């Protein structure tokens, strides 16, 4: 059914393109009947100029098409042209179709939280057992069970998993958990204020967008290992901001006397590309 619908869409789009006028209604009708996992490759199959003309028609006729259908088309366009997962208010199942198109796994908040909880538990055990990479968590930190545990959960457990296993950087739940823990650690340690960490998070996404716009869709120029960075994704960013908020709670609880920077800090060059 999906292949037949895609073919109908492409044929309708070709007719509209050849007519050189706004006869894209049939193509829109064919596209909006599809599931998102068919819409994305169907839109991707359009010639470059037809992508522009088709979406221009959709934008000019948004009221006729309907907000829900328009947002689905706009989401597919963003995935195909910008290699980005942007929030258009569509259901998570459809958003996850976009993630899979970009080579990532599907994301769910429960799965992210499980990664976070397991990482913190593993970090506590690693610190207690004096495992490799945990020395800093026992020397000079305000509380090894507070900022130190978060730091080890981020750098040793979560980042270690992403770097060591091929393809692990594109596991959505793991990427969200790692971004969360990085932000939480830096705010807890007073390396950045909550709002500053959020600014850095947004800046990292902006850097990815600029890199993609420059022709590097897989962000290879930003990669530290064979694993490519996760594409810009609003949900990953929201998890990082949650980490900032939780890090501020931690800081007030166990590191409230630490001086906080007034100027937006340089945060973690190796992982985020700033410094």
Foldseek 3Di string as FASTA:
>chain_A
DLVVLLVQLQVQLVVCVVVVDPSNPSNLVSLLVDQLLSNLVSLLPDPPVSNVVNLVSCVVCVVVSDLQSNLSNVQSCCCNQQVEQDDSPDDLVSSQSSLVVSVAHRDDPVLLVVLLVVLLVVLVVCLVVVHPPLVVLVPDALHSNFLSSLVCSQPPPLVVVCAPDAPSQRHVSSLLNNLLSLLLNCCLRLVAALVLQLVLLVVLLVVLSVVVVVPCSQCPVLDPHPHTHHHHYVSSSVSNSVSSVNSNVSNVVGPVPDDHDPDRHFGDCNPRVGD
